[in-house]
Amino acid sequence: MQRLAPALMIVALGIAIEVHVSHAQSPDPRIGEFIKAGKVRAAFGMNPTLAFKDTATGRLRGPALDLALALGTRMTVELVPVEYPSPGAVLQGIENKAWDFTFLVVDPGRVGVVDFSPPYMQSDFSYLVPAGSALRGIGEVDRPGIRIAVVRNDASDLQLGRLLKQAELTRANDINAAVELVRSGEAHAVAAPRPVLIVQAGKLTEGRVLDEGFALISYAVVVPKGNAGWLSYVAEFVEEAKASGLVKRTIESAGLRGVQVAPAQNPNLQ
C-alpha cells in the first residue's frame, strides 16, 4: 500500500498549508491513537469531484487528496491512501475498519454507519443527456419508460431512490460505465453531481448537462460511526481549511466547475 509523506506531497502540489505548531508540540488527545501509530488512513472513491488519477502521471490527485494531505500534516502523521472505484464503494471498508476517514456527499441514508463533518464544498445533482435528447428540464425526467444511469450506492443513487416515482434506475459500477449505458442507448440520462457531469459531457457527442438541478449537495469529511473525539478534530480542521482559503485553492487546482466553498459554521474561524 502506497504511503504519502504529507509535507513533501503538498509542496509538490504547490498548495500552501498552515501547520499549527501547537498540535505538533502537544499531541491532541483526540488523535492519540494516530500519533502512536504514526499514520492515518484516508479512503478515496474515484470521482472527478473528489479524487482521480492524473492522465499524464497516473498519480492520485483532487480536492479530497489535497485536504487529506493537509489533515495528515496538521496531525504530523503519514497519510496512507486506500482507493476504491467509486465513492459509494468506500463504505465497503467500514466492516473491516479499512480506513479512518473519507470524503462523501452528505446523505441521510449513510448516517447509520458514518458521521459527517461540517460541509467543506457544495454543488447540486443534475442529469447528463446525449445529443438529440427530448429531455430539457428536471420535470421531464421522472416519467414512465425513462431509464437513468447512476453509480451503484453513490449519493445520486441514494437520492433518486427516494425521489423518483415513475422513471427507473439503471446501476453501474463507476461513472464511466454509467455514461456508457447512455452511449449504448440502455439509459436516457446519467445522474451525478454537476461537476462530475461537466467532466463527463465530453464523452458523449454533443452531450449536455441540464441547467436545473434536482437536489443540492454538501460534501463533508466522513469518519466511522461512534468516534466523537476524532469527528470533533476533523470538524475543526474543515472549518480552518475553509477559512484559510485551502478549500478554494483545491477546487481551483482541480479545475472543478459548478462547485463552491461551503459557508463557515464557526464564526471564530472566519
Protein backbone atom coordinates (compact mmCIF):
# COMPACT_ATOMS: atom_id res chain seq x y z
CA MET A 1 0.00 0.00 0.00
CA GLN A 2 1.39 3.36 -1.06
CA ARG A 3 2.09 5.86 1.70
CA LEU A 4 2.41 9.58 1.21
CA ALA A 5 4.61 11.91 3.22
CA PRO A 6 2.22 14.86 3.70
CA ALA A 7 4.64 17.78 3.74
CA LEU A 8 6.56 16.63 0.67
CA MET A 9 3.43 15.92 -1.37
CA ILE A 10 1.83 19.27 -0.53
CA VAL A 11 4.91 21.12 -1.72
CA ALA A 12 4.78 19.11 -4.95
CA LEU A 13 1.15 20.09 -5.47
CA GLY A 14 2.02 23.72 -4.91
CA ILE A 15 -0.57 24.14 -2.17
CA ALA A 16 0.33 26.14 0.88
CA ILE A 17 -0.75 24.54 4.15
CA GLU A 18 -0.75 26.19 7.55
CA VAL A 19 0.51 23.70 10.12
CA HIS A 20 -0.39 24.63 13.67
CA VAL A 21 2.77 24.19 15.71
CA SER A 22 0.82 23.68 18.90
CA HIS A 23 -0.52 20.38 17.54
CA ALA A 24 2.98 19.15 16.75
CA GLN A 25 4.34 20.11 20.17
CA SER A 26 1.43 18.83 22.28
CA PRO A 27 -0.40 15.88 20.68
CA ASP A 28 -4.15 16.33 20.84
CA PRO A 29 -5.77 13.50 22.88
CA ARG A 30 -8.45 13.25 20.20
CA ILE A 31 -5.85 11.86 17.78
CA GLY A 32 -3.70 9.96 20.26
CA GLU A 33 -4.13 6.60 18.51
CA PHE A 34 -2.97 8.07 15.18
CA ILE A 35 0.02 9.80 16.75
CA LYS A 36 1.01 6.49 18.32
CA ALA A 37 0.62 4.63 15.02
CA GLY A 38 2.35 7.41 13.08
CA LYS A 39 -0.19 7.23 10.27
CA VAL A 40 -3.79 7.91 9.29
CA ARG A 41 -5.68 6.08 6.51
CA ALA A 42 -7.78 8.06 4.04
CA ALA A 43 -10.24 6.33 1.69
CA PHE A 44 -10.73 7.78 -1.80
CA GLY A 45 -13.61 6.81 -4.09
CA MET A 46 -12.62 7.67 -7.67
CA ASN A 47 -14.70 10.62 -8.83
CA PRO A 48 -13.78 13.91 -10.60
CA THR A 49 -15.14 15.93 -7.68
CA LEU A 50 -13.19 14.06 -5.02
CA ALA A 51 -10.14 12.13 -6.22
CA PHE A 52 -8.99 10.86 -9.60
CA LYS A 53 -5.93 9.56 -11.43
CA ASP A 54 -3.90 12.12 -13.37
CA THR A 55 -3.98 11.03 -17.01
CA ALA A 56 -0.37 12.09 -17.57
CA THR A 57 1.29 10.66 -14.45
CA GLY A 58 -1.17 8.07 -13.16
CA ARG A 59 -0.88 9.63 -9.71
CA LEU A 60 -3.82 10.28 -7.44
CA ARG A 61 -4.96 13.90 -7.24
CA GLY A 62 -8.04 16.01 -6.49
CA PRO A 63 -9.58 18.09 -3.69
CA ALA A 64 -10.06 15.12 -1.37
CA LEU A 65 -6.37 14.19 -1.64
CA ASP A 66 -5.27 17.79 -1.06
CA LEU A 67 -7.40 18.06 2.06
CA ALA A 68 -6.33 14.64 3.31
CA LEU A 69 -2.67 15.60 2.97
CA ALA A 70 -3.32 18.83 4.82
CA LEU A 71 -5.04 16.92 7.62
CA GLY A 72 -2.13 14.49 7.84
CA THR A 73 0.28 17.42 8.03
CA ARG A 74 -1.77 19.05 10.77
CA MET A 75 -1.62 15.80 12.72
CA THR A 76 2.11 15.31 11.91
CA VAL A 77 1.47 11.74 10.76
CA GLU A 78 1.87 9.85 7.49
CA LEU A 79 -1.09 9.64 5.11
CA VAL A 80 -1.95 6.16 3.80
CA PRO A 81 -4.39 6.27 0.84
CA VAL A 82 -6.95 3.49 0.37
CA GLU A 83 -8.53 3.56 -3.09
CA TYR A 84 -12.00 2.45 -4.22
CA PRO A 85 -13.59 2.54 -7.70
CA SER A 86 -16.37 4.93 -6.65
CA PRO A 87 -17.44 6.98 -3.61
CA GLY A 88 -20.28 4.59 -2.82
CA ALA A 89 -17.88 1.65 -2.72
CA VAL A 90 -15.89 3.30 0.08
CA LEU A 91 -18.43 2.19 2.68
CA GLN A 92 -17.48 -1.42 1.98
CA GLY A 93 -14.42 -0.74 4.12
CA ILE A 94 -16.45 0.02 7.26
CA GLU A 95 -16.85 -3.57 8.42
CA ASN A 96 -13.15 -4.44 8.28
CA LYS A 97 -12.04 -1.00 9.50
CA ALA A 98 -10.04 -0.39 6.34
CA TRP A 99 -9.84 3.41 6.71
CA ASP A 100 -10.01 6.22 9.28
CA PHE A 101 -11.69 8.95 7.26
CA THR A 102 -13.02 9.62 3.79
CA PHE A 103 -14.88 12.22 1.70
CA LEU A 104 -18.52 11.78 0.67
CA VAL A 105 -21.69 13.64 -0.17
CA VAL A 106 -23.83 14.07 2.93
CA ASP A 107 -26.83 11.74 2.69
CA PRO A 108 -29.31 10.59 5.36
CA GLY A 109 -29.01 7.04 4.04
CA ARG A 110 -25.45 6.89 5.39
CA VAL A 111 -25.92 8.22 8.91
CA GLY A 112 -26.34 4.74 10.35
CA VAL A 113 -22.70 3.85 9.70
CA VAL A 114 -20.77 7.15 9.48
CA ASP A 115 -20.69 10.66 10.92
CA PHE A 116 -20.20 13.82 8.86
CA SER A 117 -18.08 16.90 9.48
CA PRO A 118 -19.48 20.33 8.57
CA PRO A 119 -19.59 20.62 4.76
CA TYR A 120 -16.47 21.92 3.03
CA MET A 121 -17.90 22.17 -0.52
CA GLN A 122 -21.33 22.49 -2.15
CA SER A 123 -22.89 21.77 -5.54
CA ASP A 124 -26.02 20.12 -6.94
CA PHE A 125 -27.18 16.98 -8.72
CA SER A 126 -28.31 17.09 -12.33
CA TYR A 127 -28.56 14.97 -15.47
CA LEU A 128 -26.32 14.49 -18.50
CA VAL A 129 -28.19 13.63 -21.70
CA PRO A 130 -26.97 12.78 -25.22
CA ALA A 131 -27.43 14.76 -28.42
CA GLY A 132 -30.99 14.81 -29.64
CA SER A 133 -32.48 14.01 -26.25
CA ALA A 134 -36.01 15.33 -25.73
CA LEU A 135 -35.26 15.84 -22.03
CA ARG A 136 -34.89 19.57 -21.38
CA GLY A 137 -35.89 20.08 -17.76
CA ILE A 138 -35.90 18.20 -14.48
CA GLY A 139 -39.68 17.82 -14.59
CA GLU A 140 -39.44 15.82 -17.84
CA VAL A 141 -37.21 13.09 -16.42
CA ASP A 142 -39.43 11.29 -13.92
CA ARG A 143 -41.73 9.63 -16.44
CA PRO A 144 -42.66 6.03 -17.33
CA GLY A 145 -40.12 4.39 -19.62
CA ILE A 146 -37.25 6.75 -18.72
CA ARG A 147 -34.10 4.96 -17.53
CA ILE A 148 -31.50 6.88 -15.53
CA ALA A 149 -27.95 5.60 -15.15
CA VAL A 150 -26.33 6.03 -11.74
CA VAL A 151 -23.25 4.71 -9.98
CA ARG A 152 -24.33 1.98 -7.56
CA ASN A 153 -24.60 3.23 -3.93
CA ASP A 154 -23.32 6.71 -4.82
CA ALA A 155 -25.23 9.71 -3.49
CA SER A 156 -27.14 10.16 -6.77
CA ASP A 157 -28.37 6.56 -6.49
CA LEU A 158 -29.49 7.09 -2.88
CA GLN A 159 -31.12 10.45 -3.64
CA LEU A 160 -33.06 9.31 -6.69
CA GLY A 161 -34.11 6.13 -4.93
CA ARG A 162 -36.13 8.40 -2.65
CA LEU A 163 -37.26 10.97 -5.24
CA LEU A 164 -38.29 9.06 -8.36
CA LYS A 165 -41.88 7.94 -8.77
CA GLN A 166 -42.02 6.65 -12.36
CA ALA A 167 -38.57 6.60 -14.01
CA GLU A 168 -36.28 3.67 -13.23
CA LEU A 169 -32.63 3.50 -12.21
CA THR A 170 -30.01 1.53 -14.12
CA ARG A 171 -26.95 0.98 -11.92
CA ALA A 172 -23.30 0.83 -12.99
CA ASN A 173 -20.08 0.19 -11.06
CA ASP A 174 -18.45 3.55 -11.88
CA ILE A 175 -19.18 6.82 -13.67
CA ASN A 176 -17.53 5.72 -16.93
CA ALA A 177 -19.77 2.65 -17.07
CA ALA A 178 -22.81 4.83 -16.30
CA VAL A 179 -22.01 7.13 -19.24
CA GLU A 180 -21.54 4.07 -21.46
CA LEU A 181 -25.12 2.99 -20.64
CA VAL A 182 -26.32 6.25 -22.19
CA ARG A 183 -23.98 5.97 -25.17
CA SER A 184 -25.28 2.46 -25.90
CA GLY A 185 -28.91 3.51 -25.55
CA GLU A 186 -29.55 1.45 -22.41
CA ALA A 187 -30.30 4.61 -20.43
CA HIS A 188 -31.68 8.03 -21.32
CA ALA A 189 -29.61 10.11 -18.88
CA VAL A 190 -26.82 9.93 -16.31
CA ALA A 191 -27.42 11.39 -12.83
CA ALA A 192 -24.46 12.65 -10.79
CA PRO A 193 -23.08 15.79 -9.13
CA ARG A 194 -22.91 18.66 -11.64
CA PRO A 195 -19.09 18.95 -11.67
CA VAL A 196 -18.84 15.24 -12.44
CA LEU A 197 -21.30 15.57 -15.32
CA ILE A 198 -19.44 18.59 -16.73
CA VAL A 199 -16.29 16.47 -16.95
CA GLN A 200 -18.17 13.51 -18.45
CA ALA A 201 -20.12 15.57 -21.01
CA GLY A 202 -17.22 15.44 -23.46
CA LYS A 203 -17.53 11.65 -23.65
CA LEU A 204 -20.94 11.91 -25.31
CA THR A 205 -21.26 13.50 -28.75
CA GLU A 206 -22.88 16.87 -28.06
CA GLY A 207 -23.75 15.69 -24.56
CA ARG A 208 -25.30 18.38 -22.39
CA VAL A 209 -25.93 18.86 -18.69
CA LEU A 210 -29.41 20.11 -17.79
CA ASP A 211 -29.44 23.65 -16.41
CA GLU A 212 -31.64 22.66 -13.48
CA GLY A 213 -30.55 20.53 -10.54
CA PHE A 214 -32.77 18.03 -8.73
CA ALA A 215 -31.11 18.35 -5.29
CA LEU A 216 -28.41 20.33 -3.51
CA ILE A 217 -25.20 18.60 -2.43
CA SER A 218 -22.94 19.10 0.56
CA TYR A 219 -19.53 17.41 0.61
CA ALA A 220 -18.06 16.53 4.00
CA VAL A 221 -15.23 14.63 5.64
CA VAL A 222 -16.59 11.35 6.98
CA VAL A 223 -15.49 9.17 9.91
CA PRO A 224 -16.82 5.78 11.04
CA LYS A 225 -19.74 5.99 13.46
CA GLY A 226 -19.03 6.35 17.16
CA ASN A 227 -15.76 8.32 17.13
CA ALA A 228 -16.81 11.61 18.73
CA GLY A 229 -13.32 12.90 19.52
CA TRP A 230 -11.98 12.13 16.07
CA LEU A 231 -15.05 13.72 14.46
CA SER A 232 -14.53 16.86 16.57
CA TYR A 233 -10.91 17.11 15.43
CA VAL A 234 -11.87 16.65 11.77
CA ALA A 235 -14.66 19.23 12.04
CA GLU A 236 -12.20 21.74 13.46
CA PHE A 237 -9.84 21.06 10.54
CA VAL A 238 -12.62 21.56 7.97
CA GLU A 239 -13.53 24.98 9.36
CA GLU A 240 -9.86 26.02 9.33
CA ALA A 241 -9.49 24.78 5.73
CA LYS A 242 -12.45 26.89 4.60
CA ALA A 243 -11.34 29.99 6.50
CA SER A 244 -7.73 29.81 5.29
CA GLY A 245 -8.70 29.52 1.62
CA LEU A 246 -7.36 25.96 1.32
CA VAL A 247 -10.68 24.52 0.11
CA LYS A 248 -10.98 27.25 -2.52
CA ARG A 249 -7.44 26.54 -3.74
CA THR A 250 -8.07 22.80 -4.00
CA ILE A 251 -11.20 23.42 -6.09
CA GLU A 252 -9.26 25.72 -8.40
CA SER A 253 -6.30 23.32 -8.62
CA ALA A 254 -8.62 20.51 -9.78
CA GLY A 255 -10.32 22.82 -12.30
CA LEU A 256 -13.77 21.99 -10.92
CA ARG A 257 -16.79 23.89 -12.20
CA GLY A 258 -20.24 24.03 -10.63
CA VAL A 259 -18.97 23.89 -7.04
CA GLN A 260 -18.25 26.42 -4.31
CA VAL A 261 -16.83 26.55 -0.81
CA ALA A 262 -19.45 25.79 1.86
CA PRO A 263 -20.27 28.60 4.29
CA ALA A 264 -18.36 28.69 7.60
CA GLN A 265 -20.16 27.16 10.56
CA ASN A 266 -17.84 28.58 13.21
CA PRO A 267 -17.61 32.39 13.04
CA ASN A 268 -14.48 32.36 15.24
CA LEU A 269 -12.55 30.75 12.37
CA GLN A 270 -13.58 33.25 9.68
